[in-house]
Amino acid sequence: MTISREDFERIKADPQYFFETFLYIENKDGLLVKFILKPAQILILNQILELEEQGLPVRIIILKGRQLGCSTLISAYMFWKTITRSHRRSVIVSHENKSAQFLLNMITVFYDEMPEWKPLRRISNRNELWLSNPDKSAKKGNKGLRSRIIIFTADSKQASRAFNFQYAHCSEIGFWQNASGVMLSLSQGVPRKADTMIILESTANSTGNYFERTYLAAKAGDNDYKPLFLCWMLEPEYRMPVPDGFEPTERERKLIKLYDMDMEQVVWMRHTIATECEGSEEAFQQEYPFNDEEAFIAQGRKFFPPDVITEAKLYIKDKNIIPLIGALWEDEHENIEFIENPERELKIFNVPEKKREYVIGVDAAEGVTGGTYSVAQVLDMESWQHMAVWRSRIRPVEFANVVRLLGYYFNEALLAVERNNHGLVVISELQDEYFNFYRQRDFEHREKVKEEIGWWTSDKSKNLMLNKLLKALRSKDLIILDEVTVDELNRVIVTETGIMVSEGSYDDTVMALAVAVMACLQYAIPDFAEEEASMPDGGMRKSRYLH
C-alpha cells in the first residue's frame, strides 16, 4: 500500500487527522481501538498548535487529574513529528521503569498498526524506536528517515547526560527524585526555537518540588512555559449512574454550583473518595483536582478550611464579580484619577464614596523577578466591604508611591503597612508624603501604651491576625472579591512549627488582607489590642455590609 503526495501532505499538516485515521491504542479492556481524541487531549493539542502557529518553541507544563490521556496524546504527537520528518530526535523521560515500558509499548503499537507505507524501522527495543533502513546494503539508495524516539527513566544515567533533541516529553515529573538536575541537562539539549518542544506533565505530588515551583512560576509569567490545568471533569468516563433516592450533601451542592457538575459526576466523586481515597477529600483533590490551587497538598493541614474557600469562590461566581482593572494617575495639580487598562495591576471592586473611611493593608516585597509580591488590600473601615487590591512585583521605593496614590484616592485612607523587612522602606518613603498611618498598640507595661507606625508580624501576631481573618470569613463580615486572594488562602498551612505558606507558594494577598482586618478592628473598637482577648466575640462586630 502506498500513499499519495496529497494524502501525505495532509497527514503532515493535520495531526488530529493522522491520529484518528491511522493510530490504534489499547483500551482498558486490552482491545485495540482507533485513537479518537478525548476532551483533555484536544485541549493539549490545541495549545501545542497555537504555539506552533505563532512560530514559538512549544514549552508547556500540564497539571492534571489522573488518567486523562495526557501521556497518550503527547506521545502520539511526538510519534507524528518523528515519522513525518527526517533527522528528528525525540525523548520521553518517565519517573519509573513500569511507566517507561508502558509508553514504549504504546509507541510500538502506533508503529506496528500503521499501514504499509510507514517509514522503515531499524531498531525497536526496550528503550528506542529508530526509523532507518535496516538493510545496510540498501543504505546508499534509501537511508530512511534516520529519526528516533528514545525512552528512559529520570533516575537513569542517560537522564543526566547531555543529548540533543527536538522534542521532549517529561512524564509525571512531579515524582522525579532529581527533577532540577535532569531538567537542567535536558533543557540545554533542546534548542529554544520553532519546531521544538518540551512538555512537562504530572499529577500533583505534595508541595515545594520542582514541578510545583515551575508550574507556579509559569502562572506568574516567570519562565517560558505555558501553564495548562486539566480538571478531572474533562474525562467522560468519570461518572456513574445515579441511584434511586440519591441526595447530594450540602458540600456537594456547593461544588455542583461552583463547577457545574452533573449528578453522575457527583456520584462518581463520592464513590471515588470512599473507595480510592479512604474518605479523604484532600487525597481526592490531589489526584482529581477541581482547580490548580487545591491540587498540591502540603505537608501540613490547611489553615483555611475547604468550605470557607469554596464559599468564597462560589460568591465570586454567583455575583459575577468583574473588577475594573487599571492604574492611578496623578496630574501636575495633584489630582488623582483611575485609568482603565487591562494590563495594569490595580483591581477595583467598589469605587470610593464620599465621607466613607477606608483602610489599606500593605505587604511590601523586594520586587525581584520570581520573588514574592507587593500587595495592597483596601477595605471599608466600617463595613469591611472589599474595595480594591493592588498586586505586582515592584521595588519598595516605587511601591511607596503606589500606596500613597491609593491612600489619597480612597479618601486619605488609613495606611496599615507591615513594617517587617521591606515595609520599613515604604514607611520611610511615605512619612514626608502622607499623614494617616495605622499605629500598632503594644501594651508592654500596664501604665504605658507604646504605639509604632505599621504592623509588626511575629509568630504570635501572625497567629492572631490569620485567626481574625478566618473568623471574619466564616461570619461573612468580610467577603473576598478577588480570585487571587481566594486561591492564596489554599496555600496557608499549619505545621508543627506554626502557620506558614507552603513552599514555593505565595500568601502576600492574604497577609495584606489580614493586616487590613487588624487595623479595622483596632480603630473600630477602642483599646482593641488590650481588650480583644477578653471580649466574648473575640473582637468581632457585625458588619453593616449587606451581602
Protein backbone atom coordinates (compact mmCIF):
# COMPACT_ATOMS: atom_id res chain seq x y z
CA MET A 1 0.00 0.00 0.00
CA THR A 2 1.33 3.40 -0.99
CA ILE A 3 0.19 6.88 -0.13
CA SER A 4 -0.27 9.81 -2.49
CA ARG A 5 1.69 13.00 -2.04
CA GLU A 6 -1.58 14.85 -1.41
CA ASP A 7 -2.53 12.46 1.40
CA PHE A 8 0.93 12.67 2.92
CA GLU A 9 0.81 16.47 2.93
CA ARG A 10 -2.50 16.32 4.79
CA ILE A 11 -1.04 13.88 7.29
CA LYS A 12 1.98 16.15 7.81
CA ALA A 13 -0.24 19.21 8.31
CA ASP A 14 -3.08 17.76 10.41
CA PRO A 15 -2.03 15.70 13.44
CA GLN A 16 -5.60 15.04 14.61
CA TYR A 17 -6.48 13.57 11.21
CA PHE A 18 -3.39 11.35 11.43
CA PHE A 19 -4.18 10.22 14.98
CA GLU A 20 -7.81 9.34 14.35
CA THR A 21 -7.21 7.76 10.95
CA PHE A 22 -4.04 5.71 11.39
CA LEU A 23 -3.23 5.22 15.08
CA TYR A 24 -4.51 2.48 17.38
CA ILE A 25 -4.29 2.24 21.16
CA GLU A 26 -5.10 -0.44 23.70
CA ASN A 27 -8.16 0.45 25.76
CA LYS A 28 -8.74 -0.50 29.40
CA ASP A 29 -10.18 -3.84 28.27
CA GLY A 30 -6.98 -4.69 26.39
CA LEU A 31 -8.60 -4.25 22.98
CA LEU A 32 -7.09 -2.35 20.06
CA VAL A 33 -9.25 0.64 19.15
CA LYS A 34 -8.77 3.69 16.98
CA PHE A 35 -7.24 6.67 18.78
CA ILE A 36 -10.14 9.11 18.97
CA LEU A 37 -9.24 12.22 20.95
CA LYS A 38 -10.98 12.98 24.23
CA PRO A 39 -11.68 16.50 25.57
CA ALA A 40 -8.48 16.83 27.64
CA GLN A 41 -6.38 15.60 24.71
CA ILE A 42 -7.98 18.14 22.38
CA LEU A 43 -7.11 20.94 24.81
CA ILE A 44 -3.45 19.86 24.88
CA LEU A 45 -3.27 19.53 21.09
CA ASN A 46 -4.85 22.95 20.57
CA GLN A 47 -2.33 24.54 22.94
CA ILE A 48 0.57 22.93 21.08
CA LEU A 49 -0.74 24.01 17.69
CA GLU A 50 -1.41 27.56 18.90
CA LEU A 51 2.22 27.99 19.93
CA GLU A 52 3.48 26.41 16.70
CA GLU A 53 1.29 28.69 14.59
CA GLN A 54 2.89 31.66 16.34
CA GLY A 55 6.32 30.36 15.39
CA LEU A 56 7.23 29.81 19.04
CA PRO A 57 9.05 26.90 20.66
CA VAL A 58 6.49 24.70 22.40
CA ARG A 59 7.04 24.87 26.17
CA ILE A 60 4.04 23.64 28.16
CA ILE A 61 3.62 22.49 31.75
CA ILE A 62 0.47 20.48 32.50
CA LEU A 63 -1.10 19.91 35.91
CA LYS A 64 -3.72 17.22 35.50
CA GLY A 65 -6.11 14.83 37.10
CA ARG A 66 -5.42 11.11 36.85
CA GLN A 67 -5.75 9.16 33.60
CA LEU A 68 -6.95 11.92 31.32
CA GLY A 69 -4.90 10.59 28.39
CA CYS A 70 -2.19 13.27 28.51
CA SER A 71 0.75 10.93 28.01
CA THR A 72 -1.06 9.20 25.13
CA LEU A 73 -1.66 12.49 23.31
CA ILE A 74 1.86 13.84 23.83
CA SER A 75 3.45 10.52 22.80
CA ALA A 76 1.24 10.38 19.70
CA TYR A 77 2.22 13.94 18.80
CA MET A 78 5.93 13.15 19.13
CA PHE A 79 5.42 9.98 17.08
CA TRP A 80 3.69 12.02 14.37
CA LYS A 81 6.51 14.55 14.33
CA THR A 82 9.14 11.82 14.21
CA ILE A 83 7.70 9.73 11.38
CA THR A 84 6.80 12.65 9.10
CA ARG A 85 10.18 14.38 9.26
CA SER A 86 13.75 13.22 8.78
CA HIS A 87 16.55 13.53 11.31
CA ARG A 88 14.21 14.14 14.25
CA ARG A 89 15.19 13.08 17.76
CA SER A 90 12.53 12.72 20.43
CA VAL A 91 12.88 11.72 24.07
CA ILE A 92 10.39 10.56 26.64
CA VAL A 93 11.52 10.61 30.27
CA SER A 94 9.35 8.85 32.84
CA HIS A 95 9.54 8.53 36.61
CA GLU A 96 9.76 4.73 36.76
CA ASN A 97 10.55 1.69 34.60
CA LYS A 98 6.97 0.45 34.58
CA SER A 99 5.58 3.64 33.07
CA ALA A 100 8.54 3.95 30.67
CA GLN A 101 7.79 0.50 29.30
CA PHE A 102 4.11 1.34 29.04
CA LEU A 103 4.90 4.40 26.93
CA LEU A 104 7.33 2.46 24.74
CA ASN A 105 4.74 -0.29 24.20
CA MET A 106 2.20 2.33 23.20
CA ILE A 107 4.57 3.82 20.61
CA THR A 108 5.38 0.34 19.34
CA VAL A 109 1.66 -0.30 18.85
CA PHE A 110 1.40 3.02 16.99
CA TYR A 111 4.08 1.85 14.56
CA ASP A 112 3.04 -1.79 14.24
CA GLU A 113 -0.59 -0.99 13.43
CA MET A 114 0.18 1.64 10.80
CA PRO A 115 -0.36 0.86 7.09
CA GLU A 116 2.47 -0.47 4.94
CA TRP A 117 3.57 2.99 3.79
CA LYS A 118 5.02 3.64 7.25
CA PRO A 119 8.75 4.51 7.34
CA LEU A 120 11.41 1.83 7.63
CA ARG A 121 12.37 0.70 11.12
CA ARG A 122 15.88 -0.36 12.01
CA ILE A 123 15.59 -0.90 15.77
CA SER A 124 12.75 -1.34 18.21
CA ASN A 125 14.00 -2.46 21.60
CA ARG A 126 13.29 -1.82 25.23
CA ASN A 127 14.20 1.88 25.10
CA GLU A 128 14.28 3.03 21.49
CA LEU A 129 12.40 3.21 18.21
CA TRP A 130 14.86 4.00 15.40
CA LEU A 131 13.38 4.77 11.99
CA SER A 132 16.09 4.00 9.48
CA ASN A 133 16.77 1.46 6.74
CA PRO A 134 17.71 -1.86 8.41
CA ASP A 135 19.27 -3.14 5.19
CA LYS A 136 22.86 -1.94 5.22
CA SER A 137 23.32 -2.83 1.54
CA ALA A 138 20.47 -0.51 0.55
CA LYS A 139 21.57 2.49 2.58
CA LYS A 140 23.14 4.32 -0.36
CA GLY A 141 19.82 4.39 -2.14
CA ASN A 142 17.28 4.71 0.68
CA LYS A 143 18.66 5.64 4.06
CA GLY A 144 15.25 6.06 5.67
CA LEU A 145 14.21 8.93 7.92
CA ARG A 146 17.03 8.50 10.43
CA SER A 147 14.65 9.72 13.11
CA ARG A 148 14.31 8.12 16.52
CA ILE A 149 12.37 8.12 19.78
CA ILE A 150 14.34 7.31 22.94
CA ILE A 151 12.75 6.45 26.29
CA PHE A 152 14.40 6.30 29.70
CA THR A 153 13.69 6.95 33.36
CA ALA A 154 14.58 10.10 35.26
CA ASP A 155 16.93 8.20 37.58
CA SER A 156 18.91 6.51 34.79
CA LYS A 157 22.42 7.51 33.72
CA GLN A 158 21.10 8.76 30.38
CA ALA A 159 18.95 11.34 32.16
CA SER A 160 21.96 13.23 33.48
CA ARG A 161 23.91 13.15 30.21
CA ALA A 162 23.76 15.84 27.56
CA PHE A 163 21.88 14.84 24.38
CA ASN A 164 20.44 16.90 21.56
CA PHE A 165 16.72 16.51 20.88
CA GLN A 166 13.98 18.42 19.11
CA TYR A 167 11.09 17.08 21.20
CA ALA A 168 10.97 16.11 24.88
CA HIS A 169 8.11 14.70 26.94
CA CYS A 170 8.66 14.65 30.70
CA SER A 171 6.06 12.33 32.16
CA GLU A 172 4.92 12.54 35.81
CA ILE A 173 7.74 14.96 36.58
CA GLY A 174 6.20 15.70 39.96
CA PHE A 175 7.51 12.28 41.08
CA TRP A 176 11.09 12.61 39.80
CA GLN A 177 13.73 12.44 42.53
CA ASN A 178 16.21 14.81 40.87
CA ALA A 179 13.96 16.84 38.61
CA SER A 180 16.04 20.03 38.82
CA GLY A 181 19.25 18.29 37.76
CA VAL A 182 17.65 16.24 34.98
CA MET A 183 15.80 19.25 33.57
CA LEU A 184 18.95 21.37 33.62
CA SER A 185 20.64 18.82 31.36
CA LEU A 186 17.58 18.06 29.23
CA SER A 187 16.53 21.66 28.56
CA GLN A 188 20.05 22.51 27.40
CA GLY A 189 19.75 19.77 24.76
CA VAL A 190 16.57 21.17 23.17
CA PRO A 191 17.13 24.38 21.15
CA ARG A 192 14.93 27.33 22.04
CA LYS A 193 13.48 27.85 18.59
CA ALA A 194 10.48 26.95 16.42
CA ASP A 195 9.65 23.28 15.79
CA THR A 196 11.00 22.20 19.16
CA MET A 197 9.02 21.03 22.15
CA ILE A 198 9.36 20.40 25.87
CA ILE A 199 6.20 19.33 27.66
CA LEU A 200 6.18 18.66 31.40
CA GLU A 201 3.12 16.87 32.75
CA SER A 202 2.16 15.36 36.07
CA THR A 203 -0.45 14.91 38.70
CA ALA A 204 0.38 16.89 41.84
CA ASN A 205 2.71 15.39 44.41
CA SER A 206 2.96 17.34 47.66
CA THR A 207 4.43 20.85 47.60
CA GLY A 208 7.78 22.55 47.24
CA ASN A 209 9.08 20.26 44.49
CA TYR A 210 10.39 21.21 41.05
CA PHE A 211 7.07 20.60 39.35
CA GLU A 212 5.07 22.85 41.67
CA ARG A 213 7.69 25.61 41.61
CA THR A 214 7.87 25.53 37.82
CA TYR A 215 4.09 25.44 37.40
CA LEU A 216 3.54 28.39 39.75
CA ALA A 217 6.34 30.32 38.06
CA ALA A 218 4.67 29.64 34.70
CA LYS A 219 1.37 31.01 36.04
CA ALA A 220 3.21 34.13 37.21
CA GLY A 221 4.89 34.55 33.81
CA ASP A 222 8.35 33.98 35.26
CA ASN A 223 9.51 31.27 32.83
CA ASP A 224 8.97 30.13 29.23
CA TYR A 225 6.33 27.51 29.99
CA LYS A 226 2.66 27.89 29.21
CA PRO A 227 0.65 26.53 32.16
CA LEU A 228 -2.29 24.24 31.41
CA PHE A 229 -4.59 22.80 34.06
CA LEU A 230 -6.81 19.82 33.23
CA CYS A 231 -9.69 19.14 35.61
CA TRP A 232 -10.85 15.56 36.18
CA MET A 233 -14.32 16.57 34.97
CA LEU A 234 -12.98 16.63 31.40
CA GLU A 235 -12.87 12.82 31.41
CA PRO A 236 -16.16 11.39 30.03
CA GLU A 237 -15.66 8.10 31.91
CA TYR A 238 -15.59 9.78 35.32
CA ARG A 239 -19.28 9.39 36.03
CA MET A 240 -21.63 6.74 37.47
CA PRO A 241 -25.38 6.08 37.25
CA VAL A 242 -27.42 7.95 39.85
CA PRO A 243 -29.02 5.54 42.36
CA ASP A 244 -32.66 5.95 43.35
CA GLY A 245 -33.04 8.33 46.26
CA PHE A 246 -29.55 9.79 45.89
CA GLU A 247 -29.22 13.20 47.56
CA PRO A 248 -26.10 15.40 47.42
CA THR A 249 -24.67 16.72 50.67
CA GLU A 250 -24.50 20.46 51.40
CA ARG A 251 -20.84 20.47 50.39
CA GLU A 252 -21.64 18.61 47.16
CA ARG A 253 -24.41 21.13 46.38
CA LYS A 254 -21.88 23.95 46.60
CA LEU A 255 -19.48 22.09 44.31
CA ILE A 256 -22.32 21.48 41.83
CA LYS A 257 -22.98 25.22 41.66
CA LEU A 258 -19.32 26.20 41.57
CA TYR A 259 -18.13 23.74 38.92
CA ASP A 260 -21.38 22.99 37.03
CA MET A 261 -21.22 19.30 37.92
CA ASP A 262 -23.94 16.90 36.87
CA MET A 263 -25.29 14.26 39.24
CA GLU A 264 -23.45 11.36 37.56
CA GLN A 265 -20.16 13.16 38.28
CA VAL A 266 -21.21 13.73 41.89
CA VAL A 267 -21.96 10.02 42.34
CA TRP A 268 -18.60 9.09 40.83
CA MET A 269 -16.80 11.62 43.04
CA ARG A 270 -18.43 10.36 46.24
CA HIS A 271 -17.69 6.74 45.30
CA THR A 272 -14.05 7.53 44.44
CA ILE A 273 -13.46 9.42 47.70
CA ALA A 274 -14.84 6.47 49.65
CA THR A 275 -13.13 3.63 47.74
CA GLU A 276 -9.85 5.08 46.44
CA CYS A 277 -9.08 7.93 48.84
CA GLU A 278 -10.05 6.36 52.18
CA GLY A 279 -12.69 9.02 52.68
CA SER A 280 -10.18 11.89 52.37
CA GLU A 281 -11.30 14.89 50.34
CA GLU A 282 -7.74 16.22 50.37
CA ALA A 283 -6.44 12.99 48.82
CA PHE A 284 -9.14 13.26 46.14
CA GLN A 285 -8.17 16.87 45.44
CA GLN A 286 -4.58 15.85 44.77
CA GLU A 287 -5.48 13.04 42.37
CA TYR A 288 -8.58 14.62 40.87
CA PRO A 289 -8.36 18.39 41.41
CA PHE A 290 -11.10 20.87 40.52
CA ASN A 291 -8.54 23.65 40.14
CA ASP A 292 -4.78 24.05 40.22
CA GLU A 293 -4.69 25.74 43.64
CA GLU A 294 -6.14 22.77 45.53
CA ALA A 295 -4.07 20.12 43.76
CA PHE A 296 -0.82 20.44 45.69
CA ILE A 297 -1.20 19.00 49.18
CA ALA A 298 1.38 20.36 51.59
CA GLN A 299 2.99 18.51 54.45
CA GLY A 300 0.61 20.07 56.94
CA ARG A 301 -3.03 20.97 57.49
CA LYS A 302 -4.61 23.75 55.50
CA PHE A 303 -5.34 26.70 57.78
CA PHE A 304 -8.40 27.90 55.86
CA PRO A 305 -10.93 25.03 55.62
CA PRO A 306 -12.15 23.90 52.18
CA ASP A 307 -15.73 25.02 52.88
CA VAL A 308 -14.56 28.61 53.51
CA ILE A 309 -12.64 28.66 50.23
CA THR A 310 -15.49 27.03 48.28
CA GLU A 311 -17.94 29.57 49.72
CA ALA A 312 -15.69 32.44 48.65
CA LYS A 313 -15.27 31.07 45.12
CA LEU A 314 -19.00 30.47 44.83
CA TYR A 315 -19.79 34.06 45.85
CA ILE A 316 -17.48 35.47 43.16
CA LYS A 317 -19.08 33.20 40.56
CA ASP A 318 -22.71 33.78 41.63
CA LYS A 319 -22.30 37.56 41.80
CA ASN A 320 -20.27 37.61 38.57
CA ILE A 321 -17.64 39.82 40.19
CA ILE A 322 -15.77 41.67 37.44
CA PRO A 323 -13.36 44.33 38.72
CA LEU A 324 -12.24 47.47 36.99
CA ILE A 325 -8.59 46.97 36.08
CA GLY A 326 -6.14 49.79 35.61
CA ALA A 327 -3.86 52.21 37.42
CA LEU A 328 -4.00 55.51 39.29
CA TRP A 329 -2.60 58.59 37.58
CA GLU A 330 -1.66 61.91 39.19
CA ASP A 331 -1.55 65.15 37.17
CA GLU A 332 0.54 68.24 37.82
CA HIS A 333 -2.18 69.64 40.08
CA GLU A 334 -2.05 66.52 42.29
CA ASN A 335 -5.43 65.32 41.08
CA ILE A 336 -5.62 61.53 41.13
CA GLU A 337 -7.84 59.54 38.78
CA PHE A 338 -8.29 55.92 37.81
CA ILE A 339 -7.36 55.00 34.24
CA GLU A 340 -8.69 51.68 32.94
CA ASN A 341 -6.06 49.39 31.46
CA PRO A 342 -6.45 45.58 31.49
CA GLU A 343 -2.65 45.17 31.56
CA ARG A 344 -2.14 47.05 34.85
CA GLU A 345 -2.03 45.91 38.47
CA LEU A 346 -4.94 47.60 40.28
CA LYS A 347 -8.32 45.86 40.56
CA ILE A 348 -11.20 47.95 41.91
CA PHE A 349 -14.34 46.11 43.01
CA ASN A 350 -16.11 49.11 44.56
CA VAL A 351 -15.32 52.77 43.87
CA PRO A 352 -14.72 55.05 46.87
CA GLU A 353 -17.66 57.05 48.21
CA LYS A 354 -17.55 60.46 49.83
CA LYS A 355 -17.39 60.54 53.62
CA ARG A 356 -16.53 56.83 53.82
CA GLU A 357 -13.37 55.81 55.65
CA TYR A 358 -11.07 53.17 54.26
CA VAL A 359 -8.06 51.17 55.42
CA ILE A 360 -5.27 49.78 53.25
CA GLY A 361 -3.33 46.72 54.37
CA VAL A 362 0.16 46.79 52.85
CA ASP A 363 2.63 43.90 52.46
CA ALA A 364 5.87 45.00 50.76
CA ALA A 365 8.36 42.73 48.99
CA GLU A 366 11.78 43.17 47.44
CA GLY A 367 10.41 43.36 43.90
CA VAL A 368 12.70 40.89 42.15
CA THR A 369 11.69 38.52 39.37
CA GLY A 370 10.47 35.24 40.81
CA GLY A 371 10.17 36.68 44.31
CA THR A 372 7.13 37.44 46.42
CA TYR A 373 4.65 40.17 45.55
CA SER A 374 3.98 43.60 46.97
CA VAL A 375 0.27 43.84 47.77
CA ALA A 376 -2.17 46.49 48.97
CA GLN A 377 -5.69 45.44 50.07
CA VAL A 378 -8.36 48.10 50.52
CA LEU A 379 -11.33 47.65 52.90
CA ASP A 380 -14.14 49.93 54.01
CA MET A 381 -13.24 50.55 57.65
CA GLU A 382 -16.79 50.29 58.93
CA SER A 383 -18.50 47.75 56.67
CA TRP A 384 -15.38 45.76 55.69
CA GLN A 385 -16.52 45.86 52.08
CA HIS A 386 -13.68 44.68 49.83
CA MET A 387 -12.85 47.73 47.75
CA ALA A 388 -9.67 47.01 45.78
CA VAL A 389 -6.42 45.10 45.56
CA TRP A 390 -3.08 46.01 44.01
CA ARG A 391 -0.54 43.23 43.37
CA SER A 392 2.74 43.18 41.50
CA ARG A 393 6.49 42.84 41.84
CA ILE A 394 7.95 46.28 42.39
CA ARG A 395 10.78 47.87 44.35
CA PRO A 396 9.77 49.15 47.81
CA VAL A 397 10.57 52.80 46.92
CA GLU A 398 8.28 52.61 43.87
CA PHE A 399 5.65 50.70 45.82
CA ALA A 400 5.57 53.53 48.37
CA ASN A 401 4.30 55.88 45.66
CA VAL A 402 1.64 53.35 44.60
CA VAL A 403 0.44 53.15 48.21
CA ARG A 404 0.43 56.94 48.51
CA LEU A 405 -1.80 57.29 45.44
CA LEU A 406 -4.12 54.57 46.73
CA GLY A 407 -4.35 56.29 50.10
CA TYR A 408 -5.36 59.64 48.66
CA TYR A 409 -7.69 58.08 46.08
CA PHE A 410 -9.56 56.24 48.83
CA ASN A 411 -10.36 59.36 50.87
CA GLU A 412 -7.00 59.65 52.64
CA ALA A 413 -7.28 56.06 53.80
CA LEU A 414 -5.60 54.69 56.89
CA LEU A 415 -2.37 53.02 55.75
CA ALA A 416 -1.56 49.85 57.69
CA VAL A 417 1.90 48.88 56.46
CA GLU A 418 3.52 45.66 57.66
CA ARG A 419 6.78 47.06 58.95
CA ASN A 420 8.81 43.85 58.73
CA ASN A 421 11.72 43.99 56.29
CA HIS A 422 10.86 45.98 53.15
CA GLY A 423 7.83 47.60 54.78
CA LEU A 424 10.21 49.87 56.70
CA VAL A 425 11.37 51.33 53.38
CA VAL A 426 7.77 52.02 52.38
CA ILE A 427 7.03 53.72 55.70
CA SER A 428 10.22 55.79 55.48
CA GLU A 429 9.37 56.96 51.95
CA LEU A 430 5.81 57.83 52.91
CA GLN A 431 6.35 59.77 56.11
CA ASP A 432 7.08 63.03 54.28
CA GLU A 433 4.33 62.42 51.70
CA TYR A 434 1.42 61.09 53.77
CA PHE A 435 -0.06 61.54 57.22
CA ASN A 436 -2.73 58.93 58.03
CA PHE A 437 -0.87 55.89 59.36
CA TYR A 438 -2.05 52.94 61.38
CA ARG A 439 -0.18 52.71 64.67
CA GLN A 440 0.04 49.33 66.33
CA ARG A 441 -0.50 49.40 70.08
CA ASP A 442 1.88 47.47 72.26
CA PHE A 443 0.91 47.09 75.92
CA GLU A 444 4.32 46.17 77.33
CA HIS A 445 3.52 47.86 80.61
CA ARG A 446 0.06 48.44 82.02
CA GLU A 447 0.86 52.03 82.86
CA LYS A 448 2.24 52.90 79.42
CA VAL A 449 0.96 52.25 75.91
CA LYS A 450 3.55 52.17 73.15
CA GLU A 451 2.49 52.96 69.58
CA GLU A 452 4.53 52.37 66.44
CA ILE A 453 3.70 53.11 62.82
CA GLY A 454 2.76 49.97 60.94
CA TRP A 455 2.01 46.38 61.83
CA TRP A 456 4.71 44.04 63.11
CA THR A 457 4.22 40.38 62.21
CA SER A 458 5.67 37.95 64.73
CA ASP A 459 4.77 34.29 65.25
CA LYS A 460 2.26 35.38 67.90
CA SER A 461 0.72 38.24 65.93
CA LYS A 462 0.59 36.14 62.74
CA ASN A 463 -1.48 33.55 64.54
CA LEU A 464 -3.79 36.29 65.84
CA MET A 465 -4.26 38.10 62.53
CA LEU A 466 -4.94 34.96 60.50
CA ASN A 467 -7.43 33.67 63.06
CA LYS A 468 -9.22 37.04 62.95
CA LEU A 469 -9.31 36.85 59.17
CA LEU A 470 -10.68 33.30 59.30
CA LYS A 471 -13.37 34.35 61.77
CA ALA A 472 -14.36 37.28 59.56
CA LEU A 473 -14.69 34.97 56.55
CA ARG A 474 -16.72 32.39 58.48
CA SER A 475 -19.10 35.04 59.81
CA LYS A 476 -19.26 36.74 56.39
CA ASP A 477 -18.29 40.04 57.98
CA LEU A 478 -15.75 40.04 55.16
CA ILE A 479 -16.34 38.63 51.69
CA ILE A 480 -13.30 38.43 49.44
CA LEU A 481 -13.96 39.59 45.89
CA ASP A 482 -10.53 38.81 44.45
CA GLU A 483 -9.92 35.36 42.94
CA VAL A 484 -6.15 35.51 43.50
CA THR A 485 -6.66 36.18 47.21
CA VAL A 486 -9.09 33.27 47.49
CA ASP A 487 -6.62 30.99 45.72
CA GLU A 488 -3.83 32.02 48.09
CA LEU A 489 -5.95 31.00 51.08
CA ASN A 490 -5.25 27.45 49.92
CA ARG A 491 -1.52 27.95 50.36
CA VAL A 492 -1.55 28.79 54.08
CA ILE A 493 -0.79 25.68 56.12
CA VAL A 494 -0.32 24.66 59.75
CA THR A 495 2.71 22.54 60.63
CA GLU A 496 4.42 21.55 63.85
CA THR A 497 6.46 24.76 63.68
CA GLY A 498 3.48 27.08 63.16
CA ILE A 499 1.45 28.77 60.44
CA MET A 500 3.29 29.27 57.15
CA VAL A 501 2.88 29.37 53.39
CA SER A 502 3.55 26.10 51.58
CA GLU A 503 6.97 26.02 49.93
CA GLY A 504 7.15 27.67 46.52
CA SER A 505 3.80 29.44 47.00
CA TYR A 506 2.62 32.95 47.80
CA ASP A 507 0.43 34.33 50.56
CA ASP A 508 1.05 38.06 50.09
CA THR A 509 -2.58 38.93 49.32
CA VAL A 510 -3.70 37.00 52.40
CA MET A 511 -1.20 38.73 54.68
CA ALA A 512 -2.07 42.20 53.37
CA LEU A 513 -5.75 41.46 53.89
CA ALA A 514 -5.12 40.19 57.42
CA VAL A 515 -3.21 43.41 58.24
CA ALA A 516 -6.17 45.44 56.97
CA VAL A 517 -8.53 43.39 59.16
CA MET A 518 -6.42 44.03 62.27
CA ALA A 519 -6.35 47.76 61.54
CA CYS A 520 -10.13 47.80 61.10
CA LEU A 521 -10.56 46.01 64.42
CA GLN A 522 -8.23 48.28 66.37
CA TYR A 523 -9.70 51.51 65.01
CA ALA A 524 -13.32 50.35 65.16
CA ILE A 525 -13.09 49.14 68.76
CA PRO A 526 -11.39 51.30 71.42
CA ASP A 527 -8.41 49.64 73.08
CA PHE A 528 -8.87 46.55 70.93
CA ALA A 529 -5.25 45.47 71.34
CA GLU A 530 -5.64 45.37 75.11
CA GLU A 531 -9.15 44.04 75.40
CA GLU A 532 -9.69 41.70 72.43
CA ALA A 533 -8.67 38.59 74.33
CA SER A 534 -11.37 39.11 76.94
CA MET A 535 -14.17 40.09 74.54
CA PRO A 536 -16.83 37.37 74.17
CA ASP A 537 -16.91 37.77 70.39
CA GLY A 538 -13.13 37.76 70.10
CA GLY A 539 -13.02 41.34 68.86
CA MET A 540 -15.55 40.91 66.04
CA ARG A 541 -18.55 43.05 65.33
CA LYS A 542 -21.37 42.58 62.88
CA SER A 543 -20.77 44.20 59.51
CA ARG A 544 -23.21 46.69 58.02
CA TYR A 545 -22.29 45.39 54.60
CA LEU A 546 -25.34 43.61 53.21
CA HIS A 547 -24.09 40.51 51.40
